[in-house]
PDB file of N, CA and C in Angstrom:
ATOM      1  N   MET A   1      10.715  15.228  -9.036  1.00  0.00           N
ATOM      2  CA  MET A   1       9.040  14.762  -8.667  1.00  0.00           C
ATOM      3  C   MET A   1       8.380  15.704  -7.641  1.00  0.00           C
ATOM      4  N   ASP A   2       7.336  16.118  -8.183  1.00  0.00           N
ATOM      5  CA  ASP A   2       6.642  16.902  -7.191  1.00  0.00           C
ATOM      6  C   ASP A   2       5.573  16.307  -6.503  1.00  0.00           C
ATOM      7  N   TYR A   3       4.882  16.798  -5.652  1.00  0.00           N
ATOM      8  CA  TYR A   3       4.033  15.897  -4.678  1.00  0.00           C
ATOM      9  C   TYR A   3       2.868  15.139  -5.387  1.00  0.00           C
ATOM     10  N   LYS A   4       2.380  15.955  -6.433  1.00  0.00           N
ATOM     11  CA  LYS A   4       1.095  15.074  -7.238  1.00  0.00           C
ATOM     12  C   LYS A   4       1.476  14.111  -7.956  1.00  0.00           C
ATOM     13  N   THR A   5       2.937  14.064  -8.637  1.00  0.00           N
ATOM     14  CA  THR A   5       3.341  13.047  -9.079  1.00  0.00           C
ATOM     15  C   THR A   5       3.699  11.992  -8.480  1.00  0.00           C
ATOM     16  N   ALA A   6       4.334  12.216  -7.279  1.00  0.00           N
ATOM     17  CA  ALA A   6       4.624  11.229  -6.216  1.00  0.00           C
ATOM     18  C   ALA A   6       3.368  10.665  -5.693  1.00  0.00           C
ATOM     19  N   ARG A   7       2.584  11.233  -5.340  1.00  0.00           N
ATOM     20  CA  ARG A   7       0.880  10.801  -4.863  1.00  0.00           C
ATOM     21  C   ARG A   7       0.368   9.880  -6.157  1.00  0.00           C
ATOM     22  N   ASN A   8       0.299  10.121  -7.123  1.00  0.00           N
ATOM     23  CA  ASN A   8      -0.212   9.424  -8.587  1.00  0.00           C
ATOM     24  C   ASN A   8       0.803   7.971  -8.443  1.00  0.00           C
ATOM     25  N   PHE A   9       1.963   8.037  -8.563  1.00  0.00           N
ATOM     26  CA  PHE A   9       3.102   7.155  -8.588  1.00  0.00           C
ATOM     27  C   PHE A   9       2.803   6.310  -7.332  1.00  0.00           C
ATOM     28  N   LEU A  10       2.693   6.693  -6.047  1.00  0.00           N
ATOM     29  CA  LEU A  10       2.441   5.886  -4.876  1.00  0.00           C
ATOM     30  C   LEU A  10       1.202   5.062  -4.978  1.00  0.00           C
ATOM     31  N   ILE A  11       0.131   5.662  -5.689  1.00  0.00           N
ATOM     32  CA  ILE A  11      -1.359   5.212  -5.840  1.00  0.00           C
ATOM     33  C   ILE A  11      -1.292   4.025  -6.888  1.00  0.00           C
ATOM     34  N   ASP A  12      -0.571   4.237  -7.816  1.00  0.00           N
ATOM     35  CA  ASP A  12      -0.437   3.241  -9.072  1.00  0.00           C
ATOM     36  C   ASP A  12       0.387   2.061  -8.323  1.00  0.00           C
ATOM     37  N   ARG A  13       1.352   2.257  -7.672  1.00  0.00           N
ATOM     38  CA  ARG A  13       2.344   1.174  -7.279  1.00  0.00           C
ATOM     39  C   ARG A  13       1.592   0.564  -6.306  1.00  0.00           C
ATOM     40  N   GLY A  14       0.790   1.023  -5.185  1.00  0.00           N
ATOM     41  CA  GLY A  14       0.180   0.429  -4.185  1.00  0.00           C
ATOM     42  C   GLY A  14      -0.892  -0.378  -4.431  1.00  0.00           C
ATOM     43  N   THR A  15      -1.657   0.029  -5.642  1.00  0.00           N
ATOM     44  CA  THR A  15      -2.949  -0.800  -6.051  1.00  0.00           C
ATOM     45  C   THR A  15      -2.617  -1.623  -7.092  1.00  0.00           C
ATOM     46  N   ALA A  16      -1.379  -2.144  -7.514  1.00  0.00           N
ATOM     47  CA  ALA A  16      -1.011  -2.526  -8.695  1.00  0.00           C
ATOM     48  C   ALA A  16      -1.617  -4.008  -8.765  1.00  0.00           C
ATOM     49  N   LEU A  17      -1.525  -4.819  -7.547  1.00  0.00           N
ATOM     50  CA  LEU A  17      -2.237  -6.055  -7.385  1.00  0.00           C
ATOM     51  C   LEU A  17      -3.742  -5.898  -7.785  1.00  0.00           C
ATOM     52  N   LEU A  18      -4.447  -4.842  -7.504  1.00  0.00           N
ATOM     53  CA  LEU A  18      -5.742  -4.580  -7.709  1.00  0.00           C
ATOM     54  C   LEU A  18      -5.817  -4.730  -9.316  1.00  0.00           C
ATOM     55  N   THR A  19      -5.233  -3.797  -9.760  1.00  0.00           N
ATOM     56  CA  THR A  19      -5.466  -3.431 -11.167  1.00  0.00           C
ATOM     57  C   THR A  19      -4.615  -4.499 -12.235  1.00  0.00           C
ATOM     58  N   GLN A  20      -3.468  -4.714 -11.785  1.00  0.00           N
ATOM     59  CA  GLN A  20      -2.720  -5.802 -12.735  1.00  0.00           C
ATOM     60  C   GLN A  20      -2.475  -5.304 -14.262  1.00  0.00           C
ATOM     61  N   ARG A  21      -2.288  -3.827 -14.307  1.00  0.00           N
ATOM     62  CA  ARG A  21      -1.939  -3.194 -15.486  1.00  0.00           C
ATOM     63  C   ARG A  21      -0.514  -3.623 -15.996  1.00  0.00           C
ATOM     64  N   ASN A  22       0.375  -3.585 -15.160  1.00  0.00           N
ATOM     65  CA  ASN A  22       1.619  -3.775 -15.428  1.00  0.00           C
ATOM     66  C   ASN A  22       2.347  -5.235 -14.885  1.00  0.00           C
ATOM     67  N   PRO A  23       2.945  -5.866 -15.499  1.00  0.00           N
ATOM     68  CA  PRO A  23       3.369  -7.295 -15.054  1.00  0.00           C
ATOM     69  C   PRO A  23       4.609  -6.897 -14.346  1.00  0.00           C
ATOM     70  N   ASP A  24       5.438  -5.696 -14.444  1.00  0.00           N
ATOM     71  CA  ASP A  24       6.702  -5.107 -13.916  1.00  0.00           C
ATOM     72  C   ASP A  24       6.385  -4.286 -12.764  1.00  0.00           C
ATOM     73  N   ASP A  25       5.078  -3.978 -12.314  1.00  0.00           N
ATOM     74  CA  ASP A  25       5.120  -3.358 -11.012  1.00  0.00           C
ATOM     75  C   ASP A  25       5.680  -4.126  -9.895  1.00  0.00           C
ATOM     76  N   PHE A  26       5.925  -3.422  -8.894  1.00  0.00           N
ATOM     77  CA  PHE A  26       6.720  -3.799  -7.789  1.00  0.00           C
ATOM     78  C   PHE A  26       5.871  -4.922  -7.087  1.00  0.00           C
ATOM     79  N   LEU A  27       4.725  -4.942  -6.714  1.00  0.00           N
ATOM     80  CA  LEU A  27       3.970  -5.806  -5.892  1.00  0.00           C
ATOM     81  C   LEU A  27       3.594  -7.057  -6.784  1.00  0.00           C
ATOM     82  N   VAL A  28       3.364  -6.804  -8.120  1.00  0.00           N
ATOM     83  CA  VAL A  28       3.138  -7.756  -8.980  1.00  0.00           C
ATOM     84  C   VAL A  28       4.269  -8.820  -9.206  1.00  0.00           C
ATOM     85  N   ARG A  29       5.674  -8.129  -9.161  1.00  0.00           N
ATOM     86  CA  ARG A  29       6.781  -9.080  -9.408  1.00  0.00           C
ATOM     87  C   ARG A  29       7.157  -9.745  -8.223  1.00  0.00           C
ATOM     88  N   LEU A  30       6.827  -9.208  -7.063  1.00  0.00           N
ATOM     89  CA  LEU A  30       6.846  -9.824  -5.738  1.00  0.00           C
ATOM     90  C   LEU A  30       6.181 -11.400  -5.785  1.00  0.00           C
ATOM     91  N   ARG A  31       4.834 -10.879  -6.046  1.00  0.00           N
ATOM     92  CA  ARG A  31       3.995 -12.022  -5.818  1.00  0.00           C
ATOM     93  C   ARG A  31       4.407 -13.069  -6.761  1.00  0.00           C
ATOM     94  N   SER A  32       5.038 -12.679  -7.880  1.00  0.00           N
ATOM     95  CA  SER A  32       5.395 -13.587  -8.960  1.00  0.00           C
ATOM     96  C   SER A  32       6.686 -14.369  -8.539  1.00  0.00           C
ATOM     97  N   GLY A  33       7.238 -13.973  -7.349  1.00  0.00           N
ATOM     98  CA  GLY A  33       8.619 -14.510  -6.672  1.00  0.00           C
ATOM     99  C   GLY A  33       9.776 -13.818  -7.854  1.00  0.00           C
ATOM    100  N   LYS A  34       9.887 -12.888  -8.269  1.00  0.00           N
ATOM    101  CA  LYS A  34      10.601 -12.156  -8.990  1.00  0.00           C
ATOM    102  C   LYS A  34      11.018 -10.730  -8.178  1.00  0.00           C
ATOM    103  N   ALA A  35      12.434 -10.414  -8.206  1.00  0.00           N
ATOM    104  CA  ALA A  35      12.966  -9.247  -7.685  1.00  0.00           C
ATOM    105  C   ALA A  35      12.714  -8.065  -8.403  1.00  0.00           C
ATOM    106  N   PRO A  36      12.514  -6.775  -7.619  1.00  0.00           N
ATOM    107  CA  PRO A  36      12.111  -5.872  -8.330  1.00  0.00           C
ATOM    108  C   PRO A  36      12.963  -5.340  -9.547  1.00  0.00           C
ATOM    109  N   VAL A  37      12.424  -4.465 -10.283  1.00  0.00           N
ATOM    110  CA  VAL A  37      13.022  -3.894 -11.631  1.00  0.00           C
ATOM    111  C   VAL A  37      14.114  -2.979 -10.869  1.00  0.00           C
ATOM    112  N   PRO A  38      15.322  -2.905 -11.415  1.00  0.00           N
ATOM    113  CA  PRO A  38      16.479  -1.995 -10.745  1.00  0.00           C
ATOM    114  C   PRO A  38      15.918  -0.590 -10.840  1.00  0.00           C
ATOM    115  N   GLY A  39      16.066   0.287  -9.756  1.00  0.00           N
ATOM    116  CA  GLY A  39      15.677   1.678  -9.596  1.00  0.00           C
ATOM    117  C   GLY A  39      14.214   1.610  -9.190  1.00  0.00           C
ATOM    118  N   GLN A  40      13.409   0.781  -8.871  1.00  0.00           N
ATOM    119  CA  GLN A  40      12.162   0.566  -8.493  1.00  0.00           C
ATOM    120  C   GLN A  40      11.796   0.906  -7.197  1.00  0.00           C
ATOM    121  N   LEU A  41      12.538   0.524  -6.421  1.00  0.00           N
ATOM    122  CA  LEU A  41      12.474   0.741  -4.859  1.00  0.00           C
ATOM    123  C   LEU A  41      13.184   2.289  -4.735  1.00  0.00           C
ATOM    124  N   THR A  42      13.896   2.688  -5.399  1.00  0.00           N
ATOM    125  CA  THR A  42      14.298   4.039  -5.182  1.00  0.00           C
ATOM    126  C   THR A  42      13.458   4.992  -5.785  1.00  0.00           C
ATOM    127  N   SER A  43      12.762   4.745  -6.600  1.00  0.00           N
ATOM    128  CA  SER A  43      11.565   5.480  -6.911  1.00  0.00           C
ATOM    129  C   SER A  43      10.387   5.548  -5.881  1.00  0.00           C
ATOM    130  N   ILE A  44      10.282   4.499  -5.516  1.00  0.00           N
ATOM    131  CA  ILE A  44       9.066   4.427  -4.410  1.00  0.00           C
ATOM    132  C   ILE A  44       9.611   5.022  -3.406  1.00  0.00           C
ATOM    133  N   LEU A  45      10.919   4.827  -2.661  1.00  0.00           N
ATOM    134  CA  LEU A  45      11.142   5.531  -1.553  1.00  0.00           C
ATOM    135  C   LEU A  45      11.272   7.085  -1.688  1.00  0.00           C
ATOM    136  N   LEU A  46      11.695   7.654  -2.737  1.00  0.00           N
ATOM    137  CA  LEU A  46      11.807   8.805  -2.989  1.00  0.00           C
ATOM    138  C   LEU A  46      10.270   9.657  -3.152  1.00  0.00           C
ATOM    139  N   ALA A  47       9.493   8.809  -3.888  1.00  0.00           N
ATOM    140  CA  ALA A  47       8.124   9.263  -3.801  1.00  0.00           C
ATOM    141  C   ALA A  47       7.506   9.411  -2.005  1.00  0.00           C
ATOM    142  N   LEU A  48       7.859   8.409  -1.446  1.00  0.00           N
ATOM    143  CA  LEU A  48       7.320   8.464  -0.019  1.00  0.00           C
ATOM    144  C   LEU A  48       7.877   9.460   0.832  1.00  0.00           C
ATOM    145  N   LYS A  49       9.212   9.948   0.281  1.00  0.00           N
ATOM    146  CA  LYS A  49       9.897  11.125   1.159  1.00  0.00           C
ATOM    147  C   LYS A  49       9.180  12.484   0.611  1.00  0.00           C
ATOM    148  N   ILE A  50       8.961  12.569  -0.816  1.00  0.00           N
ATOM    149  CA  ILE A  50       8.142  13.662  -1.441  1.00  0.00           C
ATOM    150  C   ILE A  50       6.809  13.828  -0.487  1.00  0.00           C
ATOM    151  N   SER A  51       5.891  12.879  -0.527  1.00  0.00           N
ATOM    152  CA  SER A  51       4.995  12.720   0.163  1.00  0.00           C
ATOM    153  C   SER A  51       4.846  13.217   1.638  1.00  0.00           C
ATOM    154  N   PHE A  52       5.768  12.509   2.206  1.00  0.00           N
ATOM    155  CA  PHE A  52       5.947  13.036   3.833  1.00  0.00           C
ATOM    156  C   PHE A  52       6.359  14.388   3.660  1.00  0.00           C
ATOM    157  N   ASP A  53       7.191  14.906   3.159  1.00  0.00           N
ATOM    158  CA  ASP A  53       7.510  16.439   3.108  1.00  0.00           C
ATOM    159  C   ASP A  53       6.044  17.423   2.802  1.00  0.00           C
ATOM    160  N   ALA A  54       5.520  16.827   1.885  1.00  0.00           N
ATOM    161  CA  ALA A  54       4.400  17.341   1.373  1.00  0.00           C
ATOM    162  C   ALA A  54       3.095  17.488   2.606  1.00  0.00           C
ATOM    163  N   LEU A  55       3.075  16.220   3.299  1.00  0.00           N
ATOM    164  CA  LEU A  55       1.875  16.016   4.147  1.00  0.00           C
ATOM    165  C   LEU A  55       2.202  15.808   5.747  1.00  0.00           C
ATOM    166  N   LYS A  56       3.406  16.180   5.990  1.00  0.00           N
ATOM    167  CA  LYS A  56       3.911  16.395   7.274  1.00  0.00           C
ATOM    168  C   LYS A  56       2.860  17.409   8.282  1.00  0.00           C
ATOM    169  N   GLU A  57       2.331  18.339   7.736  1.00  0.00           N
ATOM    170  CA  GLU A  57       1.561  19.314   8.558  1.00  0.00           C
ATOM    171  C   GLU A  57       0.086  19.074   8.259  1.00  0.00           C
ATOM    172  N   GLU A  58      -0.340  18.247   7.509  1.00  0.00           N
ATOM    173  CA  GLU A  58      -1.659  17.938   7.077  1.00  0.00           C
ATOM    174  C   GLU A  58      -2.111  17.051   8.425  1.00  0.00           C
ATOM    175  N   THR A  59      -3.743  17.558   8.616  1.00  0.00           N
ATOM    176  CA  THR A  59      -4.399  16.971   9.637  1.00  0.00           C
ATOM    177  C   THR A  59      -4.992  15.736   9.192  1.00  0.00           C
ATOM    178  N   TYR A  60      -5.498  15.881   8.087  1.00  0.00           N
ATOM    179  CA  TYR A  60      -6.361  14.702   7.158  1.00  0.00           C
ATOM    180  C   TYR A  60      -5.792  14.421   5.832  1.00  0.00           C
ATOM    181  N   LEU A  61      -5.502  13.054   5.767  1.00  0.00           N
ATOM    182  CA  LEU A  61      -4.885  12.420   4.581  1.00  0.00           C
ATOM    183  C   LEU A  61      -6.054  11.775   3.746  1.00  0.00           C
ATOM    184  N   ASP A  62      -5.872  11.903   2.355  1.00  0.00           N
ATOM    185  CA  ASP A  62      -6.852  11.428   1.495  1.00  0.00           C
ATOM    186  C   ASP A  62      -6.989   9.740   1.618  1.00  0.00           C
ATOM    187  N   ARG A  63      -8.192   9.262   1.325  1.00  0.00           N
ATOM    188  CA  ARG A  63      -8.433   7.686   1.605  1.00  0.00           C
ATOM    189  C   ARG A  63      -7.610   7.258   0.466  1.00  0.00           C
ATOM    190  N   GLU A  64      -7.751   7.639  -0.738  1.00  0.00           N
ATOM    191  CA  GLU A  64      -7.172   6.849  -1.827  1.00  0.00           C
ATOM    192  C   GLU A  64      -5.565   6.721  -1.463  1.00  0.00           C
ATOM    193  N   LEU A  65      -4.726   7.689  -1.289  1.00  0.00           N
ATOM    194  CA  LEU A  65      -3.599   7.734  -0.953  1.00  0.00           C
ATOM    195  C   LEU A  65      -3.262   6.680   0.321  1.00  0.00           C
ATOM    196  N   ILE A  66      -3.987   6.700   1.311  1.00  0.00           N
ATOM    197  CA  ILE A  66      -3.727   5.927   2.401  1.00  0.00           C
ATOM    198  C   ILE A  66      -3.848   4.599   2.212  1.00  0.00           C
ATOM    199  N   HIS A  67      -4.871   4.145   1.516  1.00  0.00           N
ATOM    200  CA  HIS A  67      -5.184   2.777   0.858  1.00  0.00           C
ATOM    201  C   HIS A  67      -4.206   2.203   0.100  1.00  0.00           C
ATOM    202  N   ALA A  68      -3.314   2.992  -0.770  1.00  0.00           N
ATOM    203  CA  ALA A  68      -2.225   2.603  -1.591  1.00  0.00           C
ATOM    204  C   ALA A  68      -1.007   2.417  -0.651  1.00  0.00           C
ATOM    205  N   LEU A  69      -0.884   3.305   0.467  1.00  0.00           N
ATOM    206  CA  LEU A  69       0.202   3.070   1.120  1.00  0.00           C
ATOM    207  C   LEU A  69       0.090   2.097   2.018  1.00  0.00           C
ATOM    208  N   HIS A  70      -0.869   1.552   2.496  1.00  0.00           N
ATOM    209  CA  HIS A  70      -1.129   0.570   3.331  1.00  0.00           C
ATOM    210  C   HIS A  70      -0.988  -0.653   2.438  1.00  0.00           C
ATOM    211  N   LEU A  71      -1.151  -0.726   1.307  1.00  0.00           N
ATOM    212  CA  LEU A  71      -1.212  -1.901   0.623  1.00  0.00           C
ATOM    213  C   LEU A  71       0.362  -1.959   0.252  1.00  0.00           C
ATOM    214  N   LEU A  72       0.957  -0.965  -0.127  1.00  0.00           N
ATOM    215  CA  LEU A  72       2.255  -1.131  -0.425  1.00  0.00           C
ATOM    216  C   LEU A  72       2.969  -1.660   0.819  1.00  0.00           C
ATOM    217  N   CYS A  73       2.878  -1.226   1.978  1.00  0.00           N
ATOM    218  CA  CYS A  73       3.830  -1.404   3.267  1.00  0.00           C
ATOM    219  C   CYS A  73       3.204  -2.967   3.300  1.00  0.00           C
ATOM    220  N   PHE A  74       1.808  -3.367   3.527  1.00  0.00           N
ATOM    221  CA  PHE A  74       1.499  -4.519   3.974  1.00  0.00           C
ATOM    222  C   PHE A  74       1.664  -5.717   2.880  1.00  0.00           C
ATOM    223  N   GLU A  75       1.563  -5.192   1.703  1.00  0.00           N
ATOM    224  CA  GLU A  75       1.608  -6.455   0.747  1.00  0.00           C
ATOM    225  C   GLU A  75       3.413  -6.746   0.291  1.00  0.00           C
ATOM    226  N   SER A  76       3.798  -5.691   0.271  1.00  0.00           N
ATOM    227  CA  SER A  76       5.204  -5.821   0.140  1.00  0.00           C
ATOM    228  C   SER A  76       5.995  -6.756   1.048  1.00  0.00           C
ATOM    229  N   ARG A  77       5.832  -6.695   2.564  1.00  0.00           N
ATOM    230  CA  ARG A  77       6.235  -7.502   3.610  1.00  0.00           C
ATOM    231  C   ARG A  77       5.662  -9.033   3.496  1.00  0.00           C
ATOM    232  N   TYR A  78       4.113  -9.187   3.059  1.00  0.00           N
ATOM    233  CA  TYR A  78       3.718 -10.209   3.073  1.00  0.00           C
ATOM    234  C   TYR A  78       4.329 -11.172   2.137  1.00  0.00           C
ATOM    235  N   LEU A  79       4.331 -10.479   0.747  1.00  0.00           N
ATOM    236  CA  LEU A  79       4.622 -11.226  -0.292  1.00  0.00           C
ATOM    237  C   LEU A  79       6.305 -11.606  -0.416  1.00  0.00           C
ATOM    238  N   TYR A  80       6.887 -10.614   0.241  1.00  0.00           N
ATOM    239  CA  TYR A  80       8.474 -11.078   0.633  1.00  0.00           C
ATOM    240  C   TYR A  80       8.481 -12.362   1.742  1.00  0.00           C
ATOM    241  N   GLU A  81       7.762 -12.493   2.669  1.00  0.00           N
ATOM    242  CA  GLU A  81       7.658 -13.691   3.436  1.00  0.00           C
ATOM    243  C   GLU A  81       7.234 -14.607   2.876  1.00  0.00           C
ATOM    244  N   VAL A  82       6.056 -14.601   1.768  1.00  0.00           N
ATOM    245  CA  VAL A  82       5.516 -16.091   1.099  1.00  0.00           C
ATOM    246  C   VAL A  82       6.588 -16.332   0.359  1.00  0.00           C
ATOM    247  N   GLY A  83       7.423 -15.357  -0.410  1.00  0.00           N
ATOM    248  CA  GLY A  83       8.523 -15.767  -1.140  1.00  0.00           C
ATOM    249  C   GLY A  83       9.616 -16.434  -0.418  1.00  0.00           C
ATOM    250  N   LEU A  84      10.104 -16.143   0.581  1.00  0.00           N
ATOM    251  CA  LEU A  84      10.950 -16.853   1.316  1.00  0.00           C
ATOM    252  C   LEU A  84      10.606 -18.246   1.678  1.00  0.00           C
ATOM    253  N   LYS A  85       9.382 -18.397   2.351  1.00  0.00           N
ATOM    254  CA  LYS A  85       8.862 -19.488   2.629  1.00  0.00           C
ATOM    255  C   LYS A  85       8.912 -20.553   1.453  1.00  0.00           C
ATOM    256  N   SER A  86       8.540 -20.023   0.314  1.00  0.00           N
ATOM    257  CA  SER A  86       8.390 -20.735  -1.162  1.00  0.00           C
ATOM    258  C   SER A  86      10.242 -20.921  -1.614  1.00  0.00           C
ATOM    259  N   GLY A  87      11.059 -20.708  -0.757  1.00  0.00           N
ATOM    260  CA  GLY A  87      12.289 -20.651  -1.420  1.00  0.00           C
ATOM    261  C   GLY A  87      12.698 -19.844  -2.304  1.00  0.00           C
ATOM    262  N   VAL A  88      12.321 -18.527  -2.832  1.00  0.00           N
ATOM    263  CA  VAL A  88      12.781 -17.690  -3.347  1.00  0.00           C
ATOM    264  C   VAL A  88      13.954 -16.887  -2.779  1.00  0.00           C
ATOM    265  N   GLU A  89      15.016 -16.872  -3.589  1.00  0.00           N
ATOM    266  CA  GLU A  89      16.097 -16.010  -3.088  1.00  0.00           C
ATOM    267  C   GLU A  89      16.016 -14.513  -3.607  1.00  0.00           C
ATOM    268  N   TRP A  90      15.655 -13.797  -2.553  1.00  0.00           N
ATOM    269  CA  TRP A  90      15.568 -12.417  -2.692  1.00  0.00           C
ATOM    270  C   TRP A  90      16.733 -11.720  -2.918  1.00  0.00           C
ATOM    271  N   PRO A  91      16.809 -10.461  -3.404  1.00  0.00           N
ATOM    272  CA  PRO A  91      17.982  -9.686  -3.537  1.00  0.00           C
ATOM    273  C   PRO A  91      18.433  -9.605  -1.935  1.00  0.00           C
ATOM    274  N   PRO A  92      19.836  -9.289  -1.784  1.00  0.00           N
ATOM    275  CA  PRO A  92      20.255  -9.241  -0.459  1.00  0.00           C
ATOM    276  C   PRO A  92      19.529  -8.025   0.469  1.00  0.00           C
ATOM    277  N   MET A  93      19.492  -6.940  -0.177  1.00  0.00           N
ATOM    278  CA  MET A  93      18.970  -5.622   0.493  1.00  0.00           C
ATOM    279  C   MET A  93      17.435  -5.619   0.385  1.00  0.00           C
ATOM    280  N   LEU A  94      16.804  -6.455  -0.058  1.00  0.00           N
ATOM    281  CA  LEU A  94      15.179  -6.145  -0.367  1.00  0.00           C
ATOM    282  C   LEU A  94      14.537  -6.463   1.026  1.00  0.00           C
ATOM    283  N   ASN A  95      14.831  -6.862   1.778  1.00  0.00           N
ATOM    284  CA  ASN A  95      14.257  -6.879   3.115  1.00  0.00           C
ATOM    285  C   ASN A  95      14.458  -5.522   3.823  1.00  0.00           C
ATOM    286  N   GLU A  96      15.705  -5.023   4.038  1.00  0.00           N
ATOM    287  CA  GLU A  96      15.736  -3.579   4.256  1.00  0.00           C
ATOM    288  C   GLU A  96      15.187  -2.565   3.651  1.00  0.00           C
ATOM    289  N   ASP A  97      14.944  -2.642   2.286  1.00  0.00           N
ATOM    290  CA  ASP A  97      14.280  -1.566   1.616  1.00  0.00           C
ATOM    291  C   ASP A  97      12.740  -1.701   1.858  1.00  0.00           C
ATOM    292  N   ILE A  98      12.175  -2.898   2.319  1.00  0.00           N
ATOM    293  CA  ILE A  98      10.766  -3.090   2.478  1.00  0.00           C
ATOM    294  C   ILE A  98      10.492  -2.436   3.933  1.00  0.00           C
ATOM    295  N   ASP A  99      11.577  -2.742   4.735  1.00  0.00           N
ATOM    296  CA  ASP A  99      11.498  -2.196   6.239  1.00  0.00           C
ATOM    297  C   ASP A  99      11.466  -0.311   5.887  1.00  0.00           C
ATOM    298  N   ARG A 100      12.184  -0.053   4.860  1.00  0.00           N
ATOM    299  CA  ARG A 100      12.505   1.429   4.710  1.00  0.00           C
ATOM    300  C   ARG A 100      10.955   2.207   4.051  1.00  0.00           C
ATOM    301  N   ILE A 101      10.124   1.133   3.460  1.00  0.00           N
ATOM    302  CA  ILE A 101       8.883   1.547   3.019  1.00  0.00           C
ATOM    303  C   ILE A 101       8.089   1.441   4.219  1.00  0.00           C
ATOM    304  N   ALA A 102       7.973   0.652   5.168  1.00  0.00           N
ATOM    305  CA  ALA A 102       7.213   0.923   6.378  1.00  0.00           C
ATOM    306  C   ALA A 102       7.378   2.061   7.222  1.00  0.00           C
ATOM    307  N   ILE A 103       8.758   2.134   7.174  1.00  0.00           N
ATOM    308  CA  ILE A 103       9.210   3.256   8.146  1.00  0.00           C
ATOM    309  C   ILE A 103       8.497   4.713   7.526  1.00  0.00           C
ATOM    310  N   ALA A 104       8.863   4.952   6.430  1.00  0.00           N
ATOM    311  CA  ALA A 104       8.289   5.935   5.335  1.00  0.00           C
ATOM    312  C   ALA A 104       6.937   6.142   5.517  1.00  0.00           C
ATOM    313  N   VAL A 105       6.150   5.161   5.202  1.00  0.00           N
ATOM    314  CA  VAL A 105       4.619   5.003   5.594  1.00  0.00           C
ATOM    315  C   VAL A 105       4.217   5.490   6.900  1.00  0.00           C
ATOM    316  N   ARG A 106       4.516   4.760   7.906  1.00  0.00           N
ATOM    317  CA  ARG A 106       4.501   5.018   9.154  1.00  0.00           C
ATOM    318  C   ARG A 106       4.778   6.874   9.594  1.00  0.00           C
ATOM    319  N   SER A 107       5.969   7.055   8.959  1.00  0.00           N
ATOM    320  CA  SER A 107       6.119   8.459   9.163  1.00  0.00           C
ATOM    321  C   SER A 107       5.309   9.501   8.530  1.00  0.00           C
ATOM    322  N   ILE A 108       4.574   9.119   7.210  1.00  0.00           N
ATOM    323  CA  ILE A 108       3.520   9.943   6.762  1.00  0.00           C
ATOM    324  C   ILE A 108       2.016   9.966   7.437  1.00  0.00           C
ATOM    325  N   PHE A 109       1.901   8.736   8.105  1.00  0.00           N
ATOM    326  CA  PHE A 109       0.779   8.776   9.105  1.00  0.00           C
ATOM    327  C   PHE A 109       1.045   9.537  10.313  1.00  0.00           C
ATOM    328  N   ALA A 110       2.212   9.384  10.730  1.00  0.00           N
ATOM    329  CA  ALA A 110       2.393  10.201  12.172  1.00  0.00           C
ATOM    330  C   ALA A 110       2.696  11.559  11.974  1.00  0.00           C
ATOM    331  N   GLY A 111       3.328  11.995  10.800  1.00  0.00           N
ATOM    332  CA  GLY A 111       3.547  13.626  10.549  1.00  0.00           C
ATOM    333  C   GLY A 111       4.948  13.805  11.005  1.00  0.00           C
ATOM    334  N   THR A 112       5.507  12.794  11.490  1.00  0.00           N
ATOM    335  CA  THR A 112       6.886  12.969  11.889  1.00  0.00           C
ATOM    336  C   THR A 112       7.792  11.854  11.400  1.00  0.00           C
ATOM    337  N   TRP A 113       9.282  12.290  11.016  1.00  0.00           N
ATOM    338  CA  TRP A 113       9.858  10.956  10.502  1.00  0.00           C
ATOM    339  C   TRP A 113      10.414  10.046  11.616  1.00  0.00           C
ATOM    340  N   GLN A 114      10.095   8.850  11.417  1.00  0.00           N
ATOM    341  CA  GLN A 114      10.309   7.886  11.937  1.00  0.00           C
ATOM    342  C   GLN A 114      11.630   7.050  11.888  1.00  0.00           C
ATOM    343  N   GLY A 115      12.505   7.309  10.924  1.00  0.00           N
ATOM    344  CA  GLY A 115      13.619   6.758  10.853  1.00  0.00           C
ATOM    345  C   GLY A 115      14.847   7.100  11.591  1.00  0.00           C
TER     346      GLY A 115
END
């Protein structure tokens, strides 16, 4: 995956709740109380790492990507917590994977890896 592909992938995943094009998107599934599709989080985390590597020296980041990253980070945590309160039994590693998303997004914003 190159940076352009990673960027587009993250924008699609981060804005999934706004567009609702695919019922199997990560955030759409979380909102429905469903676990992510196998491999989904791995792809998201890979795209975040590729984006970090490509952007770590950049002074300015584009608004469309930043908006998508913010939504991906914030909404995944929020929907996870809402699901917990509603009695959803999430997969055991989902909480840690959502933490990894937050760390990767924070790293992209900071320009240094926070992990």
